[in-house]
Protein backbone atom coordinates (compact mmCIF):
# COMPACT_ATOMS: atom_id res chain seq x y z
CA MET A 1 145.57 228.46 -127.30
CA ASN A 2 145.38 226.85 -130.74
CA THR A 3 146.28 229.77 -133.05
CA ASN A 4 145.06 227.89 -136.14
CA LYS A 5 141.55 227.15 -134.90
CA ILE A 6 138.84 229.19 -136.61
CA THR A 7 136.51 230.75 -134.07
CA ASP A 8 134.32 233.80 -133.42
CA TRP A 9 135.80 236.91 -131.85
CA THR A 10 134.22 239.97 -130.23
CA ILE A 11 136.30 243.12 -130.72
CA GLY A 12 135.84 246.21 -128.56
CA GLU A 13 137.34 249.59 -129.45
CA CYS A 14 137.41 252.31 -126.80
CA CYS A 15 138.69 255.89 -127.09
CA THR A 16 139.41 258.14 -124.10
CA LYS A 17 137.96 261.20 -125.82
CA ALA A 18 134.68 259.50 -126.71
CA THR A 19 131.93 257.74 -124.77
CA GLY A 20 130.93 254.12 -125.23
CA VAL A 21 132.61 251.17 -126.91
CA VAL A 22 132.50 250.23 -130.60
CA LEU A 23 131.85 246.48 -130.87
CA SER A 24 132.64 244.36 -133.93
CA HIS A 25 132.52 240.70 -134.85
CA PHE A 26 135.33 238.76 -136.54
CA ARG A 27 135.62 235.12 -137.52
CA GLY A 28 139.07 233.63 -137.95
CA THR A 29 142.07 232.15 -136.21
CA ALA A 30 143.94 233.63 -133.25
CA ALA A 31 146.86 234.43 -135.57
CA GLU A 32 144.52 236.27 -137.94
CA VAL A 33 142.86 238.30 -135.21
CA GLN A 34 146.28 239.40 -133.92
CA ILE A 35 147.23 240.65 -137.37
CA LEU A 36 143.84 242.39 -137.59
CA LEU A 37 144.53 244.32 -134.37
CA LEU A 38 147.88 245.52 -135.75
CA LYS A 39 146.16 246.66 -138.95
CA MET A 40 143.54 248.56 -136.90
CA VAL A 41 146.30 250.39 -134.98
CA LYS A 42 148.06 251.21 -138.26
CA GLN A 43 144.82 252.59 -139.68
CA LEU A 44 144.33 254.82 -136.63
CA LYS A 45 147.94 256.04 -137.01
CA ASN A 46 147.36 256.94 -140.66
CA ILE A 47 144.15 258.81 -139.84
CA ASP A 48 145.80 261.06 -137.24
CA SER A 49 149.53 260.75 -137.95
CA GLY A 50 150.29 264.25 -136.65
CA GLU A 51 149.01 263.36 -133.17
CA TYR A 52 150.34 259.79 -133.07
CA VAL A 53 152.96 259.06 -130.40
CA HIS A 54 153.31 255.28 -130.28
CA GLY A 55 151.28 252.10 -130.35
CA THR A 56 151.18 248.34 -130.78
CA GLU A 57 152.95 247.75 -134.08
CA THR A 58 154.40 244.24 -133.70
CA LEU A 59 153.05 240.88 -132.56
CA LYS A 60 155.44 240.92 -129.60
CA GLU A 61 153.85 244.14 -128.34
CA LEU A 62 150.35 242.65 -128.20
CA THR A 63 149.06 241.98 -124.70
CA SER A 64 147.70 238.45 -124.35
CA GLU A 65 145.68 237.21 -121.36
CA HIS A 66 142.76 234.82 -120.79
CA GLU A 67 141.75 234.15 -124.41
CA GLU A 68 142.01 237.81 -125.38
CA TYR A 69 144.45 240.12 -127.15
CA THR A 70 144.84 243.86 -126.62
CA ALA A 71 146.46 246.55 -128.75
CA ALA A 72 146.68 250.30 -128.20
CA ALA A 73 147.34 253.50 -130.10
CA VAL A 74 148.53 256.47 -128.05
CA PHE A 75 148.14 260.03 -129.33
CA TRP A 76 149.12 263.33 -127.73
CA SER A 77 145.63 264.10 -126.43
CA TYR A 78 143.91 260.72 -126.33
CA GLU A 79 144.35 256.95 -126.42
CA VAL A 80 142.55 254.14 -128.22
CA LYS A 81 142.48 250.59 -126.86
CA ILE A 82 141.34 247.62 -128.91
CA THR A 83 140.60 244.23 -127.35
CA ALA A 84 139.68 241.00 -129.11
CA LYS A 85 138.19 238.16 -127.07
CA GLU A 86 136.87 234.80 -128.13
CA THR A 87 133.10 235.22 -128.13
CA CYS A 88 132.61 231.93 -126.29
CA HIS A 89 134.59 233.40 -123.39
CA VAL A 90 132.68 236.70 -123.17
CA LYS A 91 131.19 236.79 -119.69
CA GLU A 92 127.46 236.22 -119.42
CA ILE A 93 125.62 238.84 -117.39
CA THR A 94 123.99 237.38 -114.26
CA ASP A 95 122.91 240.55 -112.46
CA LYS A 96 121.18 239.87 -109.14
CA TYR A 97 118.30 242.10 -110.22
CA VAL A 98 117.49 240.15 -113.36
CA ALA A 99 114.00 238.68 -112.90
CA GLY A 100 114.13 235.18 -111.50
CA ASP A 101 117.78 235.42 -110.41
CA PHE A 102 117.20 237.05 -107.01
CA LYS A 103 117.78 234.78 -104.01
CA ALA A 104 116.44 235.74 -100.60
CA THR A 105 119.54 234.75 -98.61
CA ASP A 106 119.77 235.30 -94.85
CA GLU A 107 122.35 238.06 -95.42
CA LYS A 108 120.12 239.91 -97.86
CA MET A 109 117.11 239.62 -95.57
CA GLN A 110 119.13 241.06 -92.67
CA GLU A 111 120.04 244.01 -94.92
CA LEU A 112 116.39 244.38 -95.88
CA LYS A 113 115.17 244.32 -92.27
CA LYS A 114 117.79 246.85 -91.23
CA GLY A 115 116.78 249.17 -94.05
CA LEU A 116 113.06 248.83 -93.31
CA LYS A 117 113.56 249.54 -89.61
CA SER A 118 115.14 252.86 -90.54
CA ASN A 119 112.11 253.87 -92.61
CA HIS A 120 108.82 254.02 -90.70
CA GLU A 121 106.63 254.44 -93.80
CA ALA A 122 108.39 251.69 -95.75
CA LEU A 123 108.07 249.23 -92.87
CA GLU A 124 104.32 249.87 -92.59
CA ASN A 125 104.00 249.35 -96.34
CA PHE A 126 105.98 246.11 -96.11
CA LEU A 127 103.94 244.71 -93.22
CA GLY A 128 100.60 246.13 -94.32
CA VAL A 129 99.75 247.34 -90.80
CA LYS A 130 100.16 250.45 -88.66
CA LEU A 131 103.23 250.13 -86.44
CA SER A 132 101.40 251.86 -83.59
CA SER A 133 99.31 248.71 -83.22
CA LEU A 134 102.39 246.53 -82.56
CA ASN A 135 105.07 246.42 -79.89
CA PRO A 136 108.76 245.99 -80.92
CA ALA A 137 108.71 242.20 -80.44
CA GLU A 138 105.55 241.88 -82.54
CA ILE A 139 107.09 244.01 -85.30
CA GLU A 140 110.09 241.69 -85.46
CA GLU A 141 107.84 238.62 -85.50
CA GLN A 142 105.64 240.16 -88.20
CA MET A 143 108.70 240.91 -90.36
CA GLU A 144 109.89 237.32 -90.17
CA GLU A 145 106.44 236.02 -91.07
CA THR A 146 106.06 238.44 -93.99
CA ILE A 147 109.49 237.53 -95.38
CA SER A 148 108.72 233.81 -95.17
CA GLN A 149 105.41 234.22 -97.03
CA MET A 150 106.25 236.90 -99.63
CA PRO A 151 107.24 235.72 -103.16
CA GLU A 152 110.89 236.36 -104.00
CA GLU A 153 110.01 238.70 -106.87
CA GLU A 154 108.21 240.94 -104.35
CA LEU A 155 111.06 240.69 -101.84
CA GLU A 156 113.40 241.72 -104.64
CA LYS A 157 111.50 244.99 -105.12
CA PHE A 158 111.74 245.85 -101.42
CA TYR A 159 115.39 244.78 -101.28
CA ASP A 160 116.27 246.91 -104.28
CA LYS A 161 114.66 249.98 -102.73
CA TYR A 162 115.26 249.69 -99.00
CA ALA A 163 118.02 247.16 -98.19
CA PHE A 164 120.85 248.61 -96.15
CA SER A 165 124.48 247.78 -96.88
CA VAL A 166 127.66 249.81 -96.65
CA GLU A 167 128.08 249.83 -100.42
CA ARG A 168 124.54 251.06 -101.04
CA ASN A 169 124.16 253.61 -98.26
CA ILE A 170 126.23 256.67 -97.44
CA SER A 171 124.35 258.91 -95.03
CA HIS A 172 124.87 262.50 -93.91
CA ILE A 173 124.57 263.19 -90.18
CA LEU A 174 123.71 266.35 -88.26
CA THR A 175 125.16 266.26 -84.75
CA VAL A 176 123.67 268.54 -82.09
CA SER A 177 123.67 268.72 -78.31
CA THR A 178 121.38 266.41 -76.32
CA GLY A 179 120.56 269.58 -74.39
CA HIS A 180 118.12 270.43 -77.18
CA ILE A 181 115.72 267.72 -75.96
CA SER A 182 113.92 267.59 -72.62
CA LYS A 183 114.63 264.95 -69.97
CA LYS A 184 111.20 263.46 -70.72
CA THR A 185 112.12 263.05 -74.38
CA ARG A 186 115.51 261.61 -73.46
CA ASP A 187 113.86 258.97 -71.27
CA LEU A 188 111.39 258.17 -74.05
CA LEU A 189 114.25 257.71 -76.56
CA THR A 190 116.07 255.43 -74.12
CA ARG A 191 113.03 253.17 -73.74
CA ALA A 192 112.47 253.17 -77.53
CA ALA A 193 116.11 252.27 -78.22
CA HIS A 194 115.77 249.32 -75.82
CA GLY A 195 112.60 248.16 -77.56
CA GLU A 196 110.47 248.87 -74.49
CA THR A 197 107.99 251.16 -76.23
CA TYR A 198 106.75 252.07 -79.68
CA PHE A 199 108.32 255.13 -81.31
CA PRO A 200 107.49 256.46 -84.80
CA VAL A 201 111.17 257.01 -85.72
CA ALA A 202 114.01 254.47 -85.79
CA VAL A 203 116.26 255.29 -82.81
CA TYR A 204 119.52 253.78 -81.57
CA GLU A 205 121.64 254.60 -78.55
CA LYS A 206 125.06 256.17 -79.11
CA GLY A 207 126.78 254.53 -76.20
CA LYS A 208 125.88 256.45 -73.05
CA CYS A 209 126.23 259.90 -74.58
CA GLY A 210 123.30 260.19 -76.95
CA PHE A 211 121.17 258.78 -79.78
CA TYR A 212 120.96 258.28 -83.52
CA LEU A 213 117.59 258.91 -85.20
CA TYR A 214 116.73 258.31 -88.84
CA VAL A 215 114.86 261.21 -90.41
CA PRO A 216 111.38 260.01 -91.52
CA ASP A 217 109.75 260.96 -94.81
CA GLU A 218 106.80 262.40 -92.90
CA MET A 219 106.86 263.85 -89.39
CA ASP A 220 104.53 261.97 -87.03
CA ASP A 221 102.24 264.16 -84.93
CA THR A 222 103.11 262.14 -81.81
CA LEU A 223 106.78 263.23 -81.89
CA PRO A 224 107.86 265.50 -79.02
CA VAL A 225 107.73 269.09 -80.29
CA GLU A 226 111.42 269.91 -79.77
CA LEU A 227 112.54 266.62 -81.35
CA LYS A 228 110.24 267.12 -84.34
CA HIS A 229 111.80 270.55 -84.86
CA LEU A 230 115.31 269.06 -84.78
CA LEU A 231 114.35 266.38 -87.29
CA GLN A 232 112.88 269.01 -89.60
CA ILE A 233 116.12 271.01 -89.42
CA THR A 234 118.12 267.85 -90.15
CA LYS A 235 115.98 267.10 -93.19
CA SER A 236 116.19 270.69 -94.48
CA LEU A 237 120.01 270.43 -94.42
CA GLY A 238 119.92 267.30 -96.59
CA CYS A 239 120.94 264.95 -93.78
CA GLU A 240 119.39 261.52 -93.26
CA ILE A 241 120.40 261.01 -89.61
CA LEU A 242 120.11 263.18 -86.52
CA CYS A 243 122.77 262.52 -83.89
CA LEU A 244 122.09 263.76 -80.38
CA ASP A 245 125.38 263.90 -78.49
CA SER A 246 126.26 265.33 -75.08
CA ASP A 247 129.23 267.07 -76.74
CA GLY A 248 127.28 268.08 -79.85
CA SER A 249 126.84 271.61 -81.17
CA VAL A 250 124.42 273.98 -79.48
CA LEU A 251 122.18 275.55 -82.09
CA PRO A 252 121.47 279.28 -81.82
CA ASN A 253 117.93 280.48 -81.20
CA MET A 254 116.84 277.07 -79.91
CA GLU A 255 115.79 276.12 -76.41
CA HIS A 256 118.46 274.35 -74.38
CA TYR A 257 117.39 272.15 -71.47
CA ASN A 258 119.40 271.67 -68.28
CA TRP A 259 118.91 268.21 -66.83
């Protein structure tokens, strides 16, 4: 870096006992901004000399990396860090949610579809039709068609709210015994998990020992009575997923089926 070139600097001052960052602007050479940082540390030392432990007091102690310099002042109960960076190298924000910057990539659309499938009401809103009027294959086809025709700014809204990814979704699960559902309900869940019949709740097989069901916002009247009760219990406990497992817990005061 040319230490004699006059340029604009952005200076950020952060204290561990306060919130936020104090930003300042300075115009000068790299050599001048380094001296300025030392003066700022000295000023902090003079203000609270009784608490001061150590800090950046010489040019050799300055940290230099990627067109920026950093100094620090350490006190007994807090620390202040000051960083100066050439303004032309301050990173421009390109957040994926900024209007016009969203791109409907295949990966994002897979996350969106996965999220919508786990939310019966959201999927109906997205497609603009009642799911009971479509079979599983038609739902998939309708999703693809809607995605291909919907403007990206609208897709962005649905993605922001419903897309599923590991980073965005941490779910709580209630695991109970499959014995709390009847054989008829078990067979219905099996067919639904295989896409052979419509079911008002997203359901997935858990190997050969049970099922995962996403708790809906509203309980559909067509749900089997015992399953609806289990979903209501799951929701009341703040869980988003009901897991039915052959080795799951047996709930007291609830019917247990032998099949």
